[in-house]
ModelCIF file with pLDDT and N, C-alpha, C, O atoms, coordinates in Angstrom:
data_MODEL
#
_entry.id   MODEL 
#
_entity.id                         1 
_entity.type                       polymer 
_entity.pdbx_number_of_molecules   1 
#
_entity_poly.entity_id                      1 
_entity_poly.type                           'polypeptide(L)' 
_entity_poly.nstd_linkage                   no 
_entity_poly.nstd_monomer                   no 
_entity_poly.pdbx_seq_one_letter_code       HLMSREIIASWLRYHSIRDFDRHTLERLAIAGKTAEPGKVIDIVNGH 
_entity_poly.pdbx_seq_one_letter_code_can   HLMSREIIASWLRYHSIRDFDRHTLERLAIAGKTAEPGKVIDIVNGH 
_entity_poly.pdbx_strand_id                 A 
#
loop_
_entity_poly_seq.entity_id 
_entity_poly_seq.num 
_entity_poly_seq.mon_id 
_entity_poly_seq.hetero 
1 1  HIS n 
1 2  LEU n 
1 3  MET n 
1 4  SER n 
1 5  ARG n 
1 6  GLU n 
1 7  ILE n 
1 8  ILE n 
1 9  ALA n 
1 10 SER n 
1 11 TRP n 
1 12 LEU n 
1 13 ARG n 
1 14 TYR n 
1 15 HIS n 
1 16 SER n 
1 17 ILE n 
1 18 ARG n 
1 19 ASP n 
1 20 PHE n 
1 21 ASP n 
1 22 ARG n 
1 23 HIS n 
1 24 THR n 
1 25 LEU n 
1 26 GLU n 
1 27 ARG n 
1 28 LEU n 
1 29 ALA n 
1 30 ILE n 
1 31 ALA n 
1 32 GLY n 
1 33 LYS n 
1 34 THR n 
1 35 ALA n 
1 36 GLU n 
1 37 PRO n 
1 38 GLY n 
1 39 LYS n 
1 40 VAL n 
1 41 ILE n 
1 42 ASP n 
1 43 ILE n 
1 44 VAL n 
1 45 ASN n 
1 46 GLY n 
1 47 HIS n 
#
_struct_asym.id          A 
_struct_asym.entity_id   1 
#
loop_
_ma_qa_metric.id 
_ma_qa_metric.mode 
_ma_qa_metric.name 
_ma_qa_metric.software_group_id 
_ma_qa_metric.type 
1 global pLDDT . pLDDT 
2 local  pLDDT . pLDDT 
#
_ma_qa_metric_global.metric_id      1 
_ma_qa_metric_global.metric_value   92.79 
_ma_qa_metric_global.model_id       1 
_ma_qa_metric_global.ordinal_id     1 
#
loop_
_ma_qa_metric_local.label_asym_id 
_ma_qa_metric_local.label_comp_id 
_ma_qa_metric_local.label_seq_id 
_ma_qa_metric_local.metric_id 
_ma_qa_metric_local.metric_value 
_ma_qa_metric_local.model_id 
_ma_qa_metric_local.ordinal_id 
A HIS 1  2 93.00 1 1  
A LEU 2  2 90.00 1 2  
A MET 3  2 91.00 1 3  
A SER 4  2 94.00 1 4  
A ARG 5  2 92.00 1 5  
A GLU 6  2 90.00 1 6  
A ILE 7  2 94.00 1 7  
A ILE 8  2 95.00 1 8  
A ALA 9  2 92.00 1 9  
A SER 10 2 91.00 1 10 
A TRP 11 2 95.00 1 11 
A LEU 12 2 94.00 1 12 
A ARG 13 2 89.00 1 13 
A TYR 14 2 90.00 1 14 
A HIS 15 2 92.00 1 15 
A SER 16 2 87.00 1 16 
A ILE 17 2 91.00 1 17 
A ARG 18 2 83.00 1 18 
A ASP 19 2 82.00 1 19 
A PHE 20 2 88.00 1 20 
A ASP 21 2 88.00 1 21 
A ARG 22 2 89.00 1 22 
A HIS 23 2 93.00 1 23 
A THR 24 2 94.00 1 24 
A LEU 25 2 94.00 1 25 
A GLU 26 2 95.00 1 26 
A ARG 27 2 96.00 1 27 
A LEU 28 2 97.00 1 28 
A ALA 29 2 97.00 1 29 
A ILE 30 2 97.00 1 30 
A ALA 31 2 97.00 1 31 
A GLY 32 2 97.00 1 32 
A LYS 33 2 97.00 1 33 
A THR 34 2 97.00 1 34 
A ALA 35 2 97.00 1 35 
A GLU 36 2 96.00 1 36 
A PRO 37 2 97.00 1 37 
A GLY 38 2 96.00 1 38 
A LYS 39 2 96.00 1 39 
A VAL 40 2 96.00 1 40 
A ILE 41 2 95.00 1 41 
A ASP 42 2 94.00 1 42 
A ILE 43 2 95.00 1 43 
A VAL 44 2 89.00 1 44 
A ASN 45 2 85.00 1 45 
A GLY 46 2 90.00 1 46 
A HIS 47 2 94.00 1 47 
#
loop_
_atom_site.group_PDB 
_atom_site.id 
_atom_site.type_symbol 
_atom_site.label_atom_id 
_atom_site.label_alt_id 
_atom_site.label_comp_id 
_atom_site.label_asym_id 
_atom_site.label_entity_id 
_atom_site.label_seq_id 
_atom_site.pdbx_PDB_ins_code 
_atom_site.Cartn_x 
_atom_site.Cartn_y 
_atom_site.Cartn_z 
_atom_site.occupancy 
_atom_site.B_iso_or_equiv 
_atom_site.pdbx_formal_charge 
_atom_site.auth_seq_id 
_atom_site.auth_comp_id 
_atom_site.auth_asym_id 
_atom_site.auth_atom_id 
_atom_site.pdbx_PDB_model_num 
ATOM 1   N N  . HIS A 1 1  ? 0.813   -1.217 0.000   1.00 93.00 ? 1  HIS A N  1 
ATOM 2   C CA . HIS A 1 1  ? 0.000   0.000  0.000   1.00 93.00 ? 1  HIS A CA 1 
ATOM 3   C C  . HIS A 1 1  ? 0.852   1.275  0.000   1.00 93.00 ? 1  HIS A C  1 
ATOM 4   O O  . HIS A 1 1  ? 0.573   2.201  -0.762  1.00 93.00 ? 1  HIS A O  1 
ATOM 5   N N  . LEU A 1 2  ? 1.879   1.330  0.842   1.00 90.00 ? 2  LEU A N  1 
ATOM 6   C CA . LEU A 1 2  ? 2.704   2.532  0.895   1.00 90.00 ? 2  LEU A CA 1 
ATOM 7   C C  . LEU A 1 2  ? 3.384   2.791  -0.449  1.00 90.00 ? 2  LEU A C  1 
ATOM 8   O O  . LEU A 1 2  ? 3.504   3.936  -0.886  1.00 90.00 ? 2  LEU A O  1 
ATOM 9   N N  . MET A 1 3  ? 3.823   1.721  -1.090  1.00 91.00 ? 3  MET A N  1 
ATOM 10  C CA . MET A 1 3  ? 4.464   1.883  -2.391  1.00 91.00 ? 3  MET A CA 1 
ATOM 11  C C  . MET A 1 3  ? 3.454   2.329  -3.438  1.00 91.00 ? 3  MET A C  1 
ATOM 12  O O  . MET A 1 3  ? 3.784   3.125  -4.317  1.00 91.00 ? 3  MET A O  1 
ATOM 13  N N  . SER A 1 4  ? 2.235   1.828  -3.355  1.00 94.00 ? 4  SER A N  1 
ATOM 14  C CA . SER A 1 4  ? 1.226   2.216  -4.339  1.00 94.00 ? 4  SER A CA 1 
ATOM 15  C C  . SER A 1 4  ? 0.922   3.706  -4.245  1.00 94.00 ? 4  SER A C  1 
ATOM 16  O O  . SER A 1 4  ? 0.668   4.348  -5.264  1.00 94.00 ? 4  SER A O  1 
ATOM 17  N N  . ARG A 1 5  ? 0.946   4.262  -3.043  1.00 92.00 ? 5  ARG A N  1 
ATOM 18  C CA . ARG A 1 5  ? 0.731   5.710  -2.903  1.00 92.00 ? 5  ARG A CA 1 
ATOM 19  C C  . ARG A 1 5  ? 1.868   6.495  -3.548  1.00 92.00 ? 5  ARG A C  1 
ATOM 20  O O  . ARG A 1 5  ? 1.628   7.519  -4.188  1.00 92.00 ? 5  ARG A O  1 
ATOM 21  N N  . GLU A 1 6  ? 3.098   6.026  -3.387  1.00 90.00 ? 6  GLU A N  1 
ATOM 22  C CA . GLU A 1 6  ? 4.236   6.704  -4.000  1.00 90.00 ? 6  GLU A CA 1 
ATOM 23  C C  . GLU A 1 6  ? 4.178   6.601  -5.525  1.00 90.00 ? 6  GLU A C  1 
ATOM 24  O O  . GLU A 1 6  ? 4.529   7.549  -6.227  1.00 90.00 ? 6  GLU A O  1 
ATOM 25  N N  . ILE A 1 7  ? 3.736   5.457  -6.031  1.00 94.00 ? 7  ILE A N  1 
ATOM 26  C CA . ILE A 1 7  ? 3.595   5.296  -7.479  1.00 94.00 ? 7  ILE A CA 1 
ATOM 27  C C  . ILE A 1 7  ? 2.547   6.263  -8.014  1.00 94.00 ? 7  ILE A C  1 
ATOM 28  O O  . ILE A 1 7  ? 2.745   6.887  -9.057  1.00 94.00 ? 7  ILE A O  1 
ATOM 29  N N  . ILE A 1 8  ? 1.430   6.387  -7.296  1.00 95.00 ? 8  ILE A N  1 
ATOM 30  C CA . ILE A 1 8  ? 0.392   7.332  -7.709  1.00 95.00 ? 8  ILE A CA 1 
ATOM 31  C C  . ILE A 1 8  ? 0.949   8.758  -7.724  1.00 95.00 ? 8  ILE A C  1 
ATOM 32  O O  . ILE A 1 8  ? 0.707   9.510  -8.669  1.00 95.00 ? 8  ILE A O  1 
ATOM 33  N N  . ALA A 1 9  ? 1.692   9.130  -6.679  1.00 92.00 ? 9  ALA A N  1 
ATOM 34  C CA . ALA A 1 9  ? 2.265   10.477 -6.606  1.00 92.00 ? 9  ALA A CA 1 
ATOM 35  C C  . ALA A 1 9  ? 3.218   10.721 -7.775  1.00 92.00 ? 9  ALA A C  1 
ATOM 36  O O  . ALA A 1 9  ? 3.174   11.783 -8.396  1.00 92.00 ? 9  ALA A O  1 
ATOM 37  N N  . SER A 1 10 ? 4.076   9.750  -8.078  1.00 91.00 ? 10 SER A N  1 
ATOM 38  C CA . SER A 1 10 ? 5.018   9.898  -9.188  1.00 91.00 ? 10 SER A CA 1 
ATOM 39  C C  . SER A 1 10 ? 4.288   9.962  -10.525 1.00 91.00 ? 10 SER A C  1 
ATOM 40  O O  . SER A 1 10 ? 4.676   10.723 -11.411 1.00 91.00 ? 10 SER A O  1 
ATOM 41  N N  . TRP A 1 11 ? 3.251   9.180  -10.668 1.00 95.00 ? 11 TRP A N  1 
ATOM 42  C CA . TRP A 1 11 ? 2.430   9.154  -11.888 1.00 95.00 ? 11 TRP A CA 1 
ATOM 43  C C  . TRP A 1 11 ? 1.795   10.520 -12.135 1.00 95.00 ? 11 TRP A C  1 
ATOM 44  O O  . TRP A 1 11 ? 1.827   11.041 -13.250 1.00 95.00 ? 11 TRP A O  1 
ATOM 45  N N  . LEU A 1 12 ? 1.217   11.091 -11.073 1.00 94.00 ? 12 LEU A N  1 
ATOM 46  C CA . LEU A 1 12 ? 0.584   12.401 -11.205 1.00 94.00 ? 12 LEU A CA 1 
ATOM 47  C C  . LEU A 1 12 ? 1.613   13.469 -11.583 1.00 94.00 ? 12 LEU A C  1 
ATOM 48  O O  . LEU A 1 12 ? 1.375   14.274 -12.484 1.00 94.00 ? 12 LEU A O  1 
ATOM 49  N N  . ARG A 1 13 ? 2.760   13.472 -10.888 1.00 89.00 ? 13 ARG A N  1 
ATOM 50  C CA . ARG A 1 13 ? 3.786   14.488 -11.178 1.00 89.00 ? 13 ARG A CA 1 
ATOM 51  C C  . ARG A 1 13 ? 4.309   14.357 -12.612 1.00 89.00 ? 13 ARG A C  1 
ATOM 52  O O  . ARG A 1 13 ? 4.547   15.355 -13.292 1.00 89.00 ? 13 ARG A O  1 
ATOM 53  N N  . TYR A 1 14 ? 4.481   13.120 -13.054 1.00 90.00 ? 14 TYR A N  1 
ATOM 54  C CA . TYR A 1 14 ? 4.983   12.911 -14.411 1.00 90.00 ? 14 TYR A CA 1 
ATOM 55  C C  . TYR A 1 14 ? 4.049   13.553 -15.431 1.00 90.00 ? 14 TYR A C  1 
ATOM 56  O O  . TYR A 1 14 ? 4.495   14.044 -16.468 1.00 90.00 ? 14 TYR A O  1 
ATOM 57  N N  . HIS A 1 15 ? 2.756   13.547 -15.133 1.00 92.00 ? 15 HIS A N  1 
ATOM 58  C CA . HIS A 1 15 ? 1.760   14.110 -16.035 1.00 92.00 ? 15 HIS A CA 1 
ATOM 59  C C  . HIS A 1 15 ? 1.356   15.529 -15.620 1.00 92.00 ? 15 HIS A C  1 
ATOM 60  O O  . HIS A 1 15 ? 0.267   16.006 -15.939 1.00 92.00 ? 15 HIS A O  1 
ATOM 61  N N  . SER A 1 16 ? 2.278   16.190 -14.894 1.00 87.00 ? 16 SER A N  1 
ATOM 62  C CA . SER A 1 16 ? 2.137   17.616 -14.533 1.00 87.00 ? 16 SER A CA 1 
ATOM 63  C C  . SER A 1 16 ? 0.910   17.895 -13.681 1.00 87.00 ? 16 SER A C  1 
ATOM 64  O O  . SER A 1 16 ? 0.312   18.966 -13.788 1.00 87.00 ? 16 SER A O  1 
ATOM 65  N N  . ILE A 1 17 ? 0.530   16.947 -12.837 1.00 91.00 ? 17 ILE A N  1 
ATOM 66  C CA . ILE A 1 17 ? -0.564  17.152 -11.877 1.00 91.00 ? 17 ILE A CA 1 
ATOM 67  C C  . ILE A 1 17 ? 0.057   17.272 -10.501 1.00 91.00 ? 17 ILE A C  1 
ATOM 68  O O  . ILE A 1 17 ? 0.712   16.344 -10.027 1.00 91.00 ? 17 ILE A O  1 
ATOM 69  N N  . ARG A 1 18 ? -0.147  18.426 -9.850  1.00 83.00 ? 18 ARG A N  1 
ATOM 70  C CA . ARG A 1 18 ? 0.464   18.674 -8.550  1.00 83.00 ? 18 ARG A CA 1 
ATOM 71  C C  . ARG A 1 18 ? -0.580  19.226 -7.588  1.00 83.00 ? 18 ARG A C  1 
ATOM 72  O O  . ARG A 1 18 ? -1.774  19.210 -7.887  1.00 83.00 ? 18 ARG A O  1 
ATOM 73  N N  . ASP A 1 19 ? -0.140  19.707 -6.451  1.00 82.00 ? 19 ASP A N  1 
ATOM 74  C CA . ASP A 1 19 ? -1.026  20.282 -5.426  1.00 82.00 ? 19 ASP A CA 1 
ATOM 75  C C  . ASP A 1 19 ? -1.973  19.261 -4.817  1.00 82.00 ? 19 ASP A C  1 
ATOM 76  O O  . ASP A 1 19 ? -3.013  19.627 -4.270  1.00 82.00 ? 19 ASP A O  1 
ATOM 77  N N  . PHE A 1 20 ? -1.625  17.992 -4.907  1.00 88.00 ? 20 PHE A N  1 
ATOM 78  C CA . PHE A 1 20 ? -2.405  16.972 -4.215  1.00 88.00 ? 20 PHE A CA 1 
ATOM 79  C C  . PHE A 1 20 ? -1.852  16.796 -2.806  1.00 88.00 ? 20 PHE A C  1 
ATOM 80  O O  . PHE A 1 20 ? -0.753  17.261 -2.505  1.00 88.00 ? 20 PHE A O  1 
ATOM 81  N N  . ASP A 1 21 ? -2.616  16.121 -1.940  1.00 88.00 ? 21 ASP A N  1 
ATOM 82  C CA . ASP A 1 21 ? -2.167  15.872 -0.573  1.00 88.00 ? 21 ASP A CA 1 
ATOM 83  C C  . ASP A 1 21 ? -2.251  14.386 -0.261  1.00 88.00 ? 21 ASP A C  1 
ATOM 84  O O  . ASP A 1 21 ? -2.582  13.579 -1.130  1.00 88.00 ? 21 ASP A O  1 
ATOM 85  N N  . ARG A 1 22 ? -1.952  14.029 0.984   1.00 89.00 ? 22 ARG A N  1 
ATOM 86  C CA . ARG A 1 22 ? -1.920  12.611 1.369   1.00 89.00 ? 22 ARG A CA 1 
ATOM 87  C C  . ARG A 1 22 ? -3.308  11.964 1.250   1.00 89.00 ? 22 ARG A C  1 
ATOM 88  O O  . ARG A 1 22 ? -3.422  10.779 0.938   1.00 89.00 ? 22 ARG A O  1 
ATOM 89  N N  . HIS A 1 23 ? -4.344  12.743 1.500   1.00 93.00 ? 23 HIS A N  1 
ATOM 90  C CA . HIS A 1 23 ? -5.701  12.185 1.429   1.00 93.00 ? 23 HIS A CA 1 
ATOM 91  C C  . HIS A 1 23 ? -6.065  11.828 -0.011  1.00 93.00 ? 23 HIS A C  1 
ATOM 92  O O  . HIS A 1 23 ? -6.712  10.811 -0.262  1.00 93.00 ? 23 HIS A O  1 
ATOM 93  N N  . THR A 1 24 ? -5.645  12.671 -0.951  1.00 94.00 ? 24 THR A N  1 
ATOM 94  C CA . THR A 1 24 ? -5.884  12.374 -2.364  1.00 94.00 ? 24 THR A CA 1 
ATOM 95  C C  . THR A 1 24 ? -5.137  11.120 -2.788  1.00 94.00 ? 24 THR A C  1 
ATOM 96  O O  . THR A 1 24 ? -5.691  10.268 -3.483  1.00 94.00 ? 24 THR A O  1 
ATOM 97  N N  . LEU A 1 25 ? -3.887  11.005 -2.373  1.00 94.00 ? 25 LEU A N  1 
ATOM 98  C CA . LEU A 1 25 ? -3.100  9.811  -2.709  1.00 94.00 ? 25 LEU A CA 1 
ATOM 99  C C  . LEU A 1 25 ? -3.742  8.554  -2.127  1.00 94.00 ? 25 LEU A C  1 
ATOM 100 O O  . LEU A 1 25 ? -3.774  7.509  -2.777  1.00 94.00 ? 25 LEU A O  1 
ATOM 101 N N  . GLU A 1 26 ? -4.247  8.656  -0.913  1.00 95.00 ? 26 GLU A N  1 
ATOM 102 C CA . GLU A 1 26 ? -4.895  7.511  -0.269  1.00 95.00 ? 26 GLU A CA 1 
ATOM 103 C C  . GLU A 1 26 ? -6.143  7.092  -1.047  1.00 95.00 ? 26 GLU A C  1 
ATOM 104 O O  . GLU A 1 26 ? -6.357  5.905  -1.293  1.00 95.00 ? 26 GLU A O  1 
ATOM 105 N N  . ARG A 1 27 ? -6.963  8.066  -1.430  1.00 96.00 ? 27 ARG A N  1 
ATOM 106 C CA . ARG A 1 27 ? -8.183  7.759  -2.175  1.00 96.00 ? 27 ARG A CA 1 
ATOM 107 C C  . ARG A 1 27 ? -7.877  7.074  -3.496  1.00 96.00 ? 27 ARG A C  1 
ATOM 108 O O  . ARG A 1 27 ? -8.515  6.087  -3.863  1.00 96.00 ? 27 ARG A O  1 
ATOM 109 N N  . LEU A 1 28 ? -6.887  7.613  -4.206  1.00 97.00 ? 28 LEU A N  1 
ATOM 110 C CA . LEU A 1 28 ? -6.559  7.073  -5.518  1.00 97.00 ? 28 LEU A CA 1 
ATOM 111 C C  . LEU A 1 28 ? -5.943  5.679  -5.421  1.00 97.00 ? 28 LEU A C  1 
ATOM 112 O O  . LEU A 1 28 ? -6.238  4.802  -6.234  1.00 97.00 ? 28 LEU A O  1 
ATOM 113 N N  . ALA A 1 29 ? -5.090  5.484  -4.424  1.00 97.00 ? 29 ALA A N  1 
ATOM 114 C CA . ALA A 1 29 ? -4.454  4.167  -4.259  1.00 97.00 ? 29 ALA A CA 1 
ATOM 115 C C  . ALA A 1 29 ? -5.495  3.092  -3.950  1.00 97.00 ? 29 ALA A C  1 
ATOM 116 O O  . ALA A 1 29 ? -5.450  1.993  -4.504  1.00 97.00 ? 29 ALA A O  1 
ATOM 117 N N  . ILE A 1 30 ? -6.422  3.417  -3.070  1.00 97.00 ? 30 ILE A N  1 
ATOM 118 C CA . ILE A 1 30 ? -7.464  2.446  -2.704  1.00 97.00 ? 30 ILE A CA 1 
ATOM 119 C C  . ILE A 1 30 ? -8.383  2.185  -3.895  1.00 97.00 ? 30 ILE A C  1 
ATOM 120 O O  . ILE A 1 30 ? -8.713  1.038  -4.195  1.00 97.00 ? 30 ILE A O  1 
ATOM 121 N N  . ALA A 1 31 ? -8.795  3.260  -4.572  1.00 97.00 ? 31 ALA A N  1 
ATOM 122 C CA . ALA A 1 31 ? -9.685  3.084  -5.724  1.00 97.00 ? 31 ALA A CA 1 
ATOM 123 C C  . ALA A 1 31 ? -8.999  2.299  -6.834  1.00 97.00 ? 31 ALA A C  1 
ATOM 124 O O  . ALA A 1 31 ? -9.629  1.478  -7.501  1.00 97.00 ? 31 ALA A O  1 
ATOM 125 N N  . GLY A 1 32 ? -7.701  2.552  -7.032  1.00 97.00 ? 32 GLY A N  1 
ATOM 126 C CA . GLY A 1 32 ? -6.973  1.842  -8.078  1.00 97.00 ? 32 GLY A CA 1 
ATOM 127 C C  . GLY A 1 32 ? -6.944  0.345  -7.863  1.00 97.00 ? 32 GLY A C  1 
ATOM 128 O O  . GLY A 1 32 ? -6.816  -0.425 -8.815  1.00 97.00 ? 32 GLY A O  1 
ATOM 129 N N  . LYS A 1 33 ? -7.060  -0.066 -6.617  1.00 97.00 ? 33 LYS A N  1 
ATOM 130 C CA . LYS A 1 33 ? -7.007  -1.494 -6.302  1.00 97.00 ? 33 LYS A CA 1 
ATOM 131 C C  . LYS A 1 33 ? -8.387  -2.127 -6.142  1.00 97.00 ? 33 LYS A C  1 
ATOM 132 O O  . LYS A 1 33 ? -8.551  -3.321 -6.395  1.00 97.00 ? 33 LYS A O  1 
ATOM 133 N N  . THR A 1 34 ? -9.373  -1.347 -5.726  1.00 97.00 ? 34 THR A N  1 
ATOM 134 C CA . THR A 1 34 ? -10.654 -1.949 -5.323  1.00 97.00 ? 34 THR A CA 1 
ATOM 135 C C  . THR A 1 34 ? -11.873 -1.483 -6.119  1.00 97.00 ? 34 THR A C  1 
ATOM 136 O O  . THR A 1 34 ? -12.896 -2.168 -6.104  1.00 97.00 ? 34 THR A O  1 
ATOM 137 N N  . ALA A 1 35 ? -11.802 -0.343 -6.812  1.00 97.00 ? 35 ALA A N  1 
ATOM 138 C CA . ALA A 1 35 ? -12.994 0.204  -7.470  1.00 97.00 ? 35 ALA A CA 1 
ATOM 139 C C  . ALA A 1 35 ? -13.412 -0.641 -8.670  1.00 97.00 ? 35 ALA A C  1 
ATOM 140 O O  . ALA A 1 35 ? -12.586 -1.299 -9.302  1.00 97.00 ? 35 ALA A O  1 
ATOM 141 N N  . GLU A 1 36 ? -14.709 -0.611 -8.972  1.00 96.00 ? 36 GLU A N  1 
ATOM 142 C CA . GLU A 1 36 ? -15.233 -1.315 -10.131 1.00 96.00 ? 36 GLU A CA 1 
ATOM 143 C C  . GLU A 1 36 ? -14.815 -0.591 -11.409 1.00 96.00 ? 36 GLU A C  1 
ATOM 144 O O  . GLU A 1 36 ? -14.708 0.635  -11.414 1.00 96.00 ? 36 GLU A O  1 
ATOM 145 N N  . PRO A 1 37 ? -14.578 -1.329 -12.489 1.00 97.00 ? 37 PRO A N  1 
ATOM 146 C CA . PRO A 1 37 ? -14.255 -0.691 -13.764 1.00 97.00 ? 37 PRO A CA 1 
ATOM 147 C C  . PRO A 1 37 ? -15.327 0.323  -14.155 1.00 97.00 ? 37 PRO A C  1 
ATOM 148 O O  . PRO A 1 37 ? -16.523 0.070  -14.008 1.00 97.00 ? 37 PRO A O  1 
ATOM 149 N N  . GLY A 1 38 ? -14.881 1.468  -14.652 1.00 96.00 ? 38 GLY A N  1 
ATOM 150 C CA . GLY A 1 38 ? -15.793 2.534  -15.020 1.00 96.00 ? 38 GLY A CA 1 
ATOM 151 C C  . GLY A 1 38 ? -15.899 3.626  -13.980 1.00 96.00 ? 38 GLY A C  1 
ATOM 152 O O  . GLY A 1 38 ? -16.440 4.697  -14.255 1.00 96.00 ? 38 GLY A O  1 
ATOM 153 N N  . LYS A 1 39 ? -15.387 3.367  -12.785 1.00 96.00 ? 39 LYS A N  1 
ATOM 154 C CA . LYS A 1 39 ? -15.426 4.371  -11.720 1.00 96.00 ? 39 LYS A CA 1 
ATOM 155 C C  . LYS A 1 39 ? -14.477 5.517  -12.059 1.00 96.00 ? 39 LYS A C  1 
ATOM 156 O O  . LYS A 1 39 ? -13.364 5.286  -12.532 1.00 96.00 ? 39 LYS A O  1 
ATOM 157 N N  . VAL A 1 40 ? -14.923 6.772  -11.813 1.00 96.00 ? 40 VAL A N  1 
ATOM 158 C CA . VAL A 1 40 ? -14.109 7.956  -12.067 1.00 96.00 ? 40 VAL A CA 1 
ATOM 159 C C  . VAL A 1 40 ? -13.869 8.680  -10.743 1.00 96.00 ? 40 VAL A C  1 
ATOM 160 O O  . VAL A 1 40 ? -14.809 8.982  -10.009 1.00 96.00 ? 40 VAL A O  1 
ATOM 161 N N  . ILE A 1 41 ? -12.600 8.952  -10.450 1.00 95.00 ? 41 ILE A N  1 
ATOM 162 C CA . ILE A 1 41 ? -12.214 9.569  -9.178  1.00 95.00 ? 41 ILE A CA 1 
ATOM 163 C C  . ILE A 1 41 ? -11.658 10.959 -9.439  1.00 95.00 ? 41 ILE A C  1 
ATOM 164 O O  . ILE A 1 41 ? -10.725 11.108 -10.228 1.00 95.00 ? 41 ILE A O  1 
ATOM 165 N N  . ASP A 1 42 ? -12.212 11.980 -8.795  1.00 94.00 ? 42 ASP A N  1 
ATOM 166 C CA . ASP A 1 42 ? -11.676 13.337 -8.917  1.00 94.00 ? 42 ASP A CA 1 
ATOM 167 C C  . ASP A 1 42 ? -10.316 13.434 -8.239  1.00 94.00 ? 42 ASP A C  1 
ATOM 168 O O  . ASP A 1 42 ? -10.090 12.844 -7.182  1.00 94.00 ? 42 ASP A O  1 
ATOM 169 N N  . ILE A 1 43 ? -9.409  14.191 -8.865  1.00 95.00 ? 43 ILE A N  1 
ATOM 170 C CA . ILE A 1 43 ? -8.069  14.374 -8.293  1.00 95.00 ? 43 ILE A CA 1 
ATOM 171 C C  . ILE A 1 43 ? -7.943  15.811 -7.798  1.00 95.00 ? 43 ILE A C  1 
ATOM 172 O O  . ILE A 1 43 ? -8.171  16.084 -6.620  1.00 95.00 ? 43 ILE A O  1 
ATOM 173 N N  . VAL A 1 44 ? -7.574  16.742 -8.706  1.00 89.00 ? 44 VAL A N  1 
ATOM 174 C CA . VAL A 1 44 ? -7.423  18.151 -8.359  1.00 89.00 ? 44 VAL A CA 1 
ATOM 175 C C  . VAL A 1 44 ? -7.423  18.961 -9.647  1.00 89.00 ? 44 VAL A C  1 
ATOM 176 O O  . VAL A 1 44 ? -6.945  18.491 -10.679 1.00 89.00 ? 44 VAL A O  1 
ATOM 177 N N  . ASN A 1 45 ? -7.961  20.184 -9.590  1.00 85.00 ? 45 ASN A N  1 
ATOM 178 C CA . ASN A 1 45 ? -7.930  21.109 -10.727 1.00 85.00 ? 45 ASN A CA 1 
ATOM 179 C C  . ASN A 1 45 ? -8.498  20.506 -12.010 1.00 85.00 ? 45 ASN A C  1 
ATOM 180 O O  . ASN A 1 45 ? -7.946  20.707 -13.092 1.00 85.00 ? 45 ASN A O  1 
ATOM 181 N N  . GLY A 1 46 ? -9.601  19.769 -11.886 1.00 90.00 ? 46 GLY A N  1 
ATOM 182 C CA . GLY A 1 46 ? -10.270 19.231 -13.065 1.00 90.00 ? 46 GLY A CA 1 
ATOM 183 C C  . GLY A 1 46 ? -9.718  17.923 -13.583 1.00 90.00 ? 46 GLY A C  1 
ATOM 184 O O  . GLY A 1 46 ? -10.246 17.384 -14.555 1.00 90.00 ? 46 GLY A O  1 
ATOM 185 N N  . HIS A 1 47 ? -8.674  17.391 -12.969 1.00 94.00 ? 47 HIS A N  1 
ATOM 186 C CA . HIS A 1 47 ? -8.110  16.111 -13.387 1.00 94.00 ? 47 HIS A CA 1 
ATOM 187 C C  . HIS A 1 47 ? -8.833  14.963 -12.686 1.00 94.00 ? 47 HIS A C  1 
ATOM 188 O O  . HIS A 1 47 ? -8.502  13.798 -12.907 1.00 94.00 ? 47 HIS A O  1 
#
């Protein structure tokens, strides 16, 4: 889990998405592993 959060953070930065916090990383990491296909998760600034 801890590594998945870091991967999400690196993924976002690589695609020029910043200003996220630990809560956003937690939401995305959990959704990436458990959400049903088709689910859309808000990140920040329209992403």
